[in-house]
Each structure stands twice: as structure tokens, then as C-alpha cells.
C-alpha atoms as a PDB file:
ATOM      1  CA  MET A   1     -82.413  12.083 -59.134  1.00  0.00           C
ATOM      2  CA  ASN A   2     -78.293  11.692 -58.496  1.00  0.00           C
ATOM      3  CA  SER A   3     -76.799  11.981 -61.932  1.00  0.00           C
ATOM      4  CA  PHE A   4     -74.027   9.929 -62.868  1.00  0.00           C
ATOM      5  CA  GLY A   5     -71.848  12.421 -61.975  1.00  0.00           C
ATOM      6  CA  GLU A   6     -73.066  12.221 -58.206  1.00  0.00           C
ATOM      7  CA  TYR A   7     -73.474   9.125 -58.963  1.00  0.00           C
ATOM      8  CA  LEU A   8     -69.004   8.154 -59.539  1.00  0.00           C
ATOM      9  CA  ARG A   9     -67.831  11.204 -57.126  1.00  0.00           C
ATOM     10  CA  ASN A  10     -69.065   8.898 -54.445  1.00  0.00           C
ATOM     11  CA  LYS A  11     -67.727   5.375 -55.049  1.00  0.00           C
ATOM     12  CA  ARG A  12     -65.334   7.764 -55.851  1.00  0.00           C
ATOM     13  CA  GLU A  13     -65.032   9.093 -52.486  1.00  0.00           C
ATOM     14  CA  GLN A  14     -65.791   6.574 -50.943  1.00  0.00           C
ATOM     15  CA  GLN A  15     -62.745   4.175 -52.651  1.00  0.00           C
ATOM     16  CA  GLY A  16     -60.488   7.664 -50.479  1.00  0.00           C
ATOM     17  CA  LEU A  17     -58.962   8.374 -54.624  1.00  0.00           C
ATOM     18  CA  PRO A  18     -57.983  11.911 -55.446  1.00  0.00           C
ATOM     19  CA  LEU A  19     -59.265  12.898 -58.352  1.00  0.00           C
ATOM     20  CA  ARG A  20     -55.615  12.985 -60.108  1.00  0.00           C
ATOM     21  CA  LYS A  21     -55.827   9.473 -59.316  1.00  0.00           C
ATOM     22  CA  VAL A  22     -59.152   8.798 -60.935  1.00  0.00           C
ATOM     23  CA  ALA A  23     -58.388  11.189 -64.082  1.00  0.00           C
ATOM     24  CA  ALA A  24     -54.490   9.767 -65.009  1.00  0.00           C
ATOM     25  CA  GLU A  25     -56.388   6.159 -65.235  1.00  0.00           C
ATOM     26  CA  LEU A  26     -58.472   7.994 -67.853  1.00  0.00           C
ATOM     27  CA  ASP A  27     -55.393   9.414 -68.770  1.00  0.00           C
ATOM     28  CA  ILE A  28     -57.713  12.703 -69.611  1.00  0.00           C
ATOM     29  CA  ASP A  29     -56.926  16.211 -67.103  1.00  0.00           C
ATOM     30  CA  THR A  30     -58.423  16.353 -63.039  1.00  0.00           C
ATOM     31  CA  SER A  31     -60.744  19.242 -64.429  1.00  0.00           C
ATOM     32  CA  ILE A  32     -62.726  17.300 -67.162  1.00  0.00           C
ATOM     33  CA  LEU A  33     -62.984  14.954 -64.508  1.00  0.00           C
ATOM     34  CA  SER A  34     -64.265  17.431 -62.056  1.00  0.00           C
ATOM     35  CA  LYS A  35     -66.481  18.725 -64.920  1.00  0.00           C
ATOM     36  CA  ILE A  36     -67.675  15.206 -65.260  1.00  0.00           C
ATOM     37  CA  GLU A  37     -68.654  14.740 -61.254  1.00  0.00           C
ATOM     38  CA  ARG A  38     -70.210  18.189 -61.646  1.00  0.00           C
ATOM     39  CA  ASN A  39     -72.915  16.909 -64.627  1.00  0.00           C
ATOM     40  CA  GLU A  40     -71.219  19.779 -67.140  1.00  0.00           C
ATOM     41  CA  ARG A  41     -69.852  17.306 -69.203  1.00  0.00           C
ATOM     42  CA  MET A  42     -70.834  13.444 -69.943  1.00  0.00           C
ATOM     43  CA  ALA A  43     -68.595  10.726 -69.686  1.00  0.00           C
ATOM     44  CA  THR A  44     -68.165   7.956 -72.662  1.00  0.00           C
ATOM     45  CA  LYS A  45     -69.167   4.647 -72.574  1.00  0.00           C
ATOM     46  CA  GLU A  46     -66.171   3.906 -73.229  1.00  0.00           C
ATOM     47  CA  MET A  47     -64.887   5.096 -69.378  1.00  0.00           C
ATOM     48  CA  LEU A  48     -66.899   2.622 -68.671  1.00  0.00           C
ATOM     49  CA  PRO A  49     -64.765   0.488 -67.606  1.00  0.00           C
ATOM     50  CA  ILE A  50     -61.570   2.289 -66.237  1.00  0.00           C
ATOM     51  CA  PHE A  51     -63.948   4.130 -64.209  1.00  0.00           C
ATOM     52  CA  ALA A  52     -65.524   0.290 -62.696  1.00  0.00           C
ATOM     53  CA  LYS A  53     -62.002  -1.547 -62.255  1.00  0.00           C
ATOM     54  CA  THR A  54     -60.532   1.442 -60.823  1.00  0.00           C
ATOM     55  CA  LEU A  55     -63.831   2.130 -58.541  1.00  0.00           C
ATOM     56  CA  GLU A  56     -63.758  -1.106 -57.916  1.00  0.00           C
ATOM     57  CA  ILE A  57     -67.610  -1.692 -59.422  1.00  0.00           C
ATOM     58  CA  GLU A  58     -68.925  -4.622 -61.184  1.00  0.00           C
ATOM     59  CA  GLY A  59     -68.506  -3.586 -65.157  1.00  0.00           C
ATOM     60  CA  ARG A  60     -73.287  -4.885 -64.812  1.00  0.00           C
ATOM     61  CA  ASP A  61     -73.187  -2.096 -62.244  1.00  0.00           C
ATOM     62  CA  ILE A  62     -71.989   0.512 -63.027  1.00  0.00           C
ATOM     63  CA  GLN A  63     -73.187   0.038 -67.033  1.00  0.00           C
ATOM     64  CA  ILE A  64     -76.619  -0.234 -65.522  1.00  0.00           C
ATOM     65  CA  GLU A  65     -76.428   3.882 -63.574  1.00  0.00           C
ATOM     66  CA  PHE A  66     -74.713   4.703 -66.341  1.00  0.00           C
ATOM     67  CA  ILE A  67     -78.315   4.443 -69.069  1.00  0.00           C
ATOM     68  CA  ARG A  68     -80.039   5.054 -65.963  1.00  0.00           C
ATOM     69  CA  ALA A  69     -79.453   8.211 -65.748  1.00  0.00           C
ATOM     70  CA  THR A  70     -78.069   9.122 -68.904  1.00  0.00           C
ATOM     71  CA  VAL A  71     -81.595   8.628 -70.757  1.00  0.00           C
ATOM     72  CA  LEU A  72     -83.165  10.254 -67.227  1.00  0.00           C
ATOM     73  CA  SER A  73     -81.461  13.372 -68.274  1.00  0.00           C
ATOM     74  CA  THR A  74     -81.294  13.046 -71.670  1.00  0.00           C
ATOM     75  CA  LEU A  75     -85.879  11.680 -71.925  1.00  0.00           C
ATOM     76  CA  GLY A  76     -86.693  11.600 -68.437  1.00  0.00           C
ATOM     77  CA  ASP A  77     -89.348  14.737 -69.119  1.00  0.00           C
ATOM     78  CA  LEU A  78     -90.809  13.168 -71.127  1.00  0.00           C
ATOM     79  CA  GLU A  79     -94.839  12.364 -70.939  1.00  0.00           C
ATOM     80  CA  PHE A  80     -94.954   8.542 -72.478  1.00  0.00           C
ATOM     81  CA  LEU A  81     -90.953   7.900 -71.065  1.00  0.00           C
ATOM     82  CA  ALA A  82     -92.163   4.533 -69.621  1.00  0.00           C
ATOM     83  CA  GLU A  83     -94.301   3.718 -72.797  1.00  0.00           C
ATOM     84  CA  GLY A  84     -91.559   4.097 -74.793  1.00  0.00           C
ATOM     85  CA  LEU A  85     -89.189   2.013 -73.077  1.00  0.00           C
ATOM     86  CA  LYS A  86     -91.020  -0.154 -72.640  1.00  0.00           C
ATOM     87  CA  ASN A  87     -91.512  -0.907 -77.068  1.00  0.00           C
ATOM     88  CA  VAL A  88     -87.778  -0.758 -77.079  1.00  0.00           C
ATOM     89  CA  LEU A  89     -86.807  -3.422 -74.276  1.00  0.00           C
ATOM     90  CA  LYS A  90     -89.119  -5.547 -77.423  1.00  0.00           C
ATOM     91  CA  LYS A  91     -87.182  -4.953 -79.676  1.00  0.00           C
ATOM     92  CA  ILE A  92     -83.560  -5.239 -78.199  1.00  0.00           C
END
């Protein structure tokens, strides 16, 4: 399973952007961005539009990847995850 941090690092590297440029756009220290890319720290949903613009990712695509990675990293080992998610989808 690819993590959200790995996804971001891959996109940043594809764009040829250094950590410092992306961190500056987010108004965070490069060490924090590095921790996000190494999954030592979580990105926030407020960061998503900035990541999308800076890394040239569609807003829809980055949100979907964020949701996928967050759910799997937090709940991925639950036996009834799929059933629970189906129930959530019915309610939204």
C-alpha cells in the first residue's frame, strides 16, 4: 500500500521540485514536509489545495488519494472495513 506521503513525494519528484519550494508554498519548514513524505507526520486537509496547485494535481484526485491513504492507514486492519465503509456511503 502506498502512503499519502509517498504519493506526494512521487508527485513532487515528477515535477522536479525541491522540498524547500513545496514547503515554502505550504508555509511550513522543510523538515515538516520531509516528515509528511516519510509518513512520520500527517498532512492536513487544509494542505490539500496547496499541494494540488503546487504539484499540479487535480483537486479531486488529491482528495481521493488522501481519503484512501488515511482510511487504510488508520483502519485498514479492521476485519469489517469494507462493510463499514458501505454503511458510511449510504449515509452521505
